[in-house]
């Protein structure tokens, strides 16, 4: 989806006093001038650590809440700023990484592998991720490509668990 700003216009800045912007921009992680998606994924590691201590059903429920809330949060922030999938919106990266780590073994090795796999799929965007990114609008579109990237990364992570 095309943004409403031209390639030379600076991207509009979120208002961190607005709770929707604060959440959508990952408490400011998405405001990083370099690699905001990676910064959002690093924030997701910090969110994952306490969530990983929950029973799997509770982790799954929290993940579902993050994904469902993300559709509204990301959609509202994008509308407010007039930019579809503003690069600073990182709630979708948080959801994607948390999905990557669903049922992952504990330990920093698996967190690092999950981080790398998710970032690779999120950046590479193989089919159908790229298709979703370009064709689905609104908050659902912002969330969908990262959720599918997280799903692909989760499958790869689980294959590695079995192989290693």
Protein backbone atom coordinates (compact mmCIF):
# COMPACT_ATOMS: atom_id res chain seq x y z
CA UNK A 1 0.00 0.00 0.00
CA UNK A 2 1.29 3.46 -0.80
CA UNK A 3 1.76 6.03 1.90
CA UNK A 4 0.13 9.43 1.66
CA UNK A 5 3.51 11.17 1.85
CA UNK A 6 5.90 11.54 -1.09
CA UNK A 7 9.34 9.98 -1.06
CA UNK A 8 10.93 13.32 -0.17
CA UNK A 9 8.55 14.36 2.60
CA UNK A 10 9.66 13.50 6.13
CA UNK A 11 7.50 10.93 7.83
CA UNK A 12 5.06 12.36 10.37
CA UNK A 13 6.08 11.88 13.97
CA UNK A 14 3.87 10.07 16.45
CA UNK A 15 2.68 11.70 19.64
CA UNK A 16 4.08 9.64 22.52
CA UNK A 17 1.44 11.27 24.73
CA UNK A 18 -1.20 9.43 22.69
CA UNK A 19 -1.59 5.92 24.17
CA UNK A 20 -2.32 4.40 20.74
CA UNK A 21 0.86 5.88 19.27
CA UNK A 22 2.86 4.92 22.37
CA UNK A 23 1.83 1.27 22.00
CA UNK A 24 1.95 1.10 18.19
CA UNK A 25 5.46 2.59 18.24
CA UNK A 26 6.62 0.12 20.89
CA UNK A 27 7.00 2.65 23.72
CA UNK A 28 9.34 4.63 21.45
CA UNK A 29 11.39 1.73 20.05
CA UNK A 30 9.91 2.43 16.63
CA UNK A 31 11.19 6.02 16.77
CA UNK A 32 14.75 4.78 16.24
CA UNK A 33 16.22 6.51 13.16
CA UNK A 34 17.93 3.26 12.16
CA UNK A 35 16.24 -0.16 11.90
CA UNK A 36 13.02 0.59 13.82
CA UNK A 37 11.70 -2.91 13.06
CA UNK A 38 14.77 -4.46 14.61
CA UNK A 39 14.43 -2.17 17.64
CA UNK A 40 10.79 -3.25 17.96
CA UNK A 41 11.85 -6.89 17.80
CA UNK A 42 14.45 -6.26 20.52
CA UNK A 43 11.66 -4.81 22.65
CA UNK A 44 9.66 -7.95 21.89
CA UNK A 45 12.47 -10.04 23.43
CA UNK A 46 11.97 -8.11 26.67
CA UNK A 47 8.23 -8.75 26.49
CA UNK A 48 8.79 -12.42 25.66
CA UNK A 49 10.99 -13.14 28.69
CA UNK A 50 8.26 -12.81 31.36
CA UNK A 51 5.58 -14.24 29.04
CA UNK A 52 7.72 -17.34 28.46
CA UNK A 53 7.23 -18.23 32.13
CA UNK A 54 3.47 -18.64 31.61
CA UNK A 55 1.79 -21.95 30.86
CA UNK A 56 1.49 -22.48 27.09
CA UNK A 57 -2.28 -21.83 27.10
CA UNK A 58 -1.77 -18.48 28.89
CA UNK A 59 1.07 -17.52 26.54
CA UNK A 60 -1.21 -18.37 23.61
CA UNK A 61 -4.00 -16.25 25.06
CA UNK A 62 -1.64 -13.30 25.59
CA UNK A 63 -0.39 -13.73 22.02
CA UNK A 64 -3.96 -13.71 20.71
CA UNK A 65 -4.64 -10.47 22.64
CA UNK A 66 -1.50 -8.86 21.21
CA UNK A 67 -2.49 -9.80 17.64
CA UNK A 68 -6.13 -8.75 17.94
CA UNK A 69 -5.27 -5.48 19.71
CA UNK A 70 -2.59 -4.84 17.09
CA UNK A 71 -5.10 -4.68 14.26
CA UNK A 72 -6.84 -1.76 15.94
CA UNK A 73 -3.72 -0.06 17.32
CA UNK A 74 -1.75 -0.20 14.08
CA UNK A 75 -4.75 0.81 11.98
CA UNK A 76 -5.53 3.81 14.19
CA UNK A 77 -1.90 4.97 14.35
CA UNK A 78 -1.57 4.67 10.56
CA UNK A 79 -4.76 6.68 10.03
CA UNK A 80 -3.67 9.33 12.54
CA UNK A 81 -0.32 9.76 10.78
CA UNK A 82 -1.68 9.37 7.24
CA UNK A 83 0.91 6.68 6.40
CA UNK A 84 0.01 3.05 5.82
CA UNK A 85 2.50 0.90 7.71
CA UNK A 86 4.69 3.75 8.93
CA UNK A 87 8.13 2.15 9.53
CA UNK A 88 7.98 3.23 13.18
CA UNK A 89 4.86 1.16 13.87
CA UNK A 90 6.42 -1.89 15.52
CA UNK A 91 3.53 -3.50 17.39
CA UNK A 92 3.36 -5.91 14.44
CA UNK A 93 7.01 -6.90 14.99
CA UNK A 94 6.23 -7.55 18.65
CA UNK A 95 3.34 -9.83 17.67
CA UNK A 96 5.41 -11.58 14.99
CA UNK A 97 8.30 -12.31 17.35
CA UNK A 98 5.97 -13.53 20.10
CA UNK A 99 4.40 -15.90 17.56
CA UNK A 100 7.87 -17.06 16.49
CA UNK A 101 8.62 -18.00 20.08
CA UNK A 102 5.34 -19.84 20.75
CA UNK A 103 6.27 -23.24 22.29
CA UNK A 104 9.98 -22.54 21.78
CA UNK A 105 12.44 -24.16 24.16
CA UNK A 106 13.82 -21.92 26.87
CA UNK A 107 17.26 -20.41 26.64
CA UNK A 108 19.09 -17.56 24.97
CA UNK A 109 20.19 -19.72 22.05
CA UNK A 110 16.57 -20.21 20.99
CA UNK A 111 15.74 -16.55 21.56
CA UNK A 112 18.62 -15.51 19.29
CA UNK A 113 17.66 -18.08 16.64
CA UNK A 114 14.02 -16.97 16.82
CA UNK A 115 15.07 -13.31 16.57
CA UNK A 116 17.23 -13.95 13.48
CA UNK A 117 14.59 -16.13 11.78
CA UNK A 118 11.83 -13.61 12.38
CA UNK A 119 13.92 -10.67 11.15
CA UNK A 120 14.94 -12.64 8.03
CA UNK A 121 11.34 -13.48 7.10
CA UNK A 122 10.16 -9.97 7.97
CA UNK A 123 12.82 -8.35 5.77
CA UNK A 124 12.93 -10.94 2.96
CA UNK A 125 9.12 -11.19 2.71
CA UNK A 126 8.76 -14.40 0.66
CA UNK A 127 5.33 -15.18 -0.80
CA UNK A 128 2.69 -14.77 0.63
CA UNK A 129 4.20 -12.25 3.06
CA UNK A 130 5.06 -9.73 0.33
CA UNK A 131 1.63 -10.19 -1.25
CA UNK A 132 -0.09 -9.51 2.10
CA UNK A 133 2.14 -6.50 2.70
CA UNK A 134 1.17 -4.97 -0.65
CA UNK A 135 -2.48 -5.99 -0.95
CA UNK A 136 -4.10 -5.94 2.48
CA UNK A 137 -4.81 -2.51 3.91
CA UNK A 138 -5.49 -1.04 7.30
CA UNK A 139 -4.50 -2.50 10.62
CA UNK A 140 -5.12 -6.02 9.35
CA UNK A 141 -2.61 -5.49 6.54
CA UNK A 142 -0.02 -4.01 8.88
CA UNK A 143 -0.35 -7.01 11.19
CA UNK A 144 -0.82 -9.78 8.61
CA UNK A 145 2.61 -9.79 6.99
CA UNK A 146 4.42 -9.86 10.35
CA UNK A 147 2.12 -12.54 11.75
CA UNK A 148 2.81 -14.73 8.71
CA UNK A 149 6.55 -13.97 8.99
CA UNK A 150 6.29 -15.03 12.64
CA UNK A 151 4.49 -18.22 11.63
CA UNK A 152 7.17 -19.08 9.05
CA UNK A 153 9.90 -18.35 11.60
CA UNK A 154 8.10 -20.46 14.24
CA UNK A 155 7.88 -23.44 11.87
CA UNK A 156 11.59 -23.13 11.04
CA UNK A 157 12.45 -22.80 14.74
CA UNK A 158 10.48 -25.94 15.60
CA UNK A 159 12.19 -27.84 12.76
CA UNK A 160 15.54 -26.79 14.22
CA UNK A 161 14.42 -27.96 17.67
CA UNK A 162 13.73 -31.43 16.25
CA UNK A 163 16.96 -31.54 14.24
CA UNK A 164 19.21 -30.29 17.01
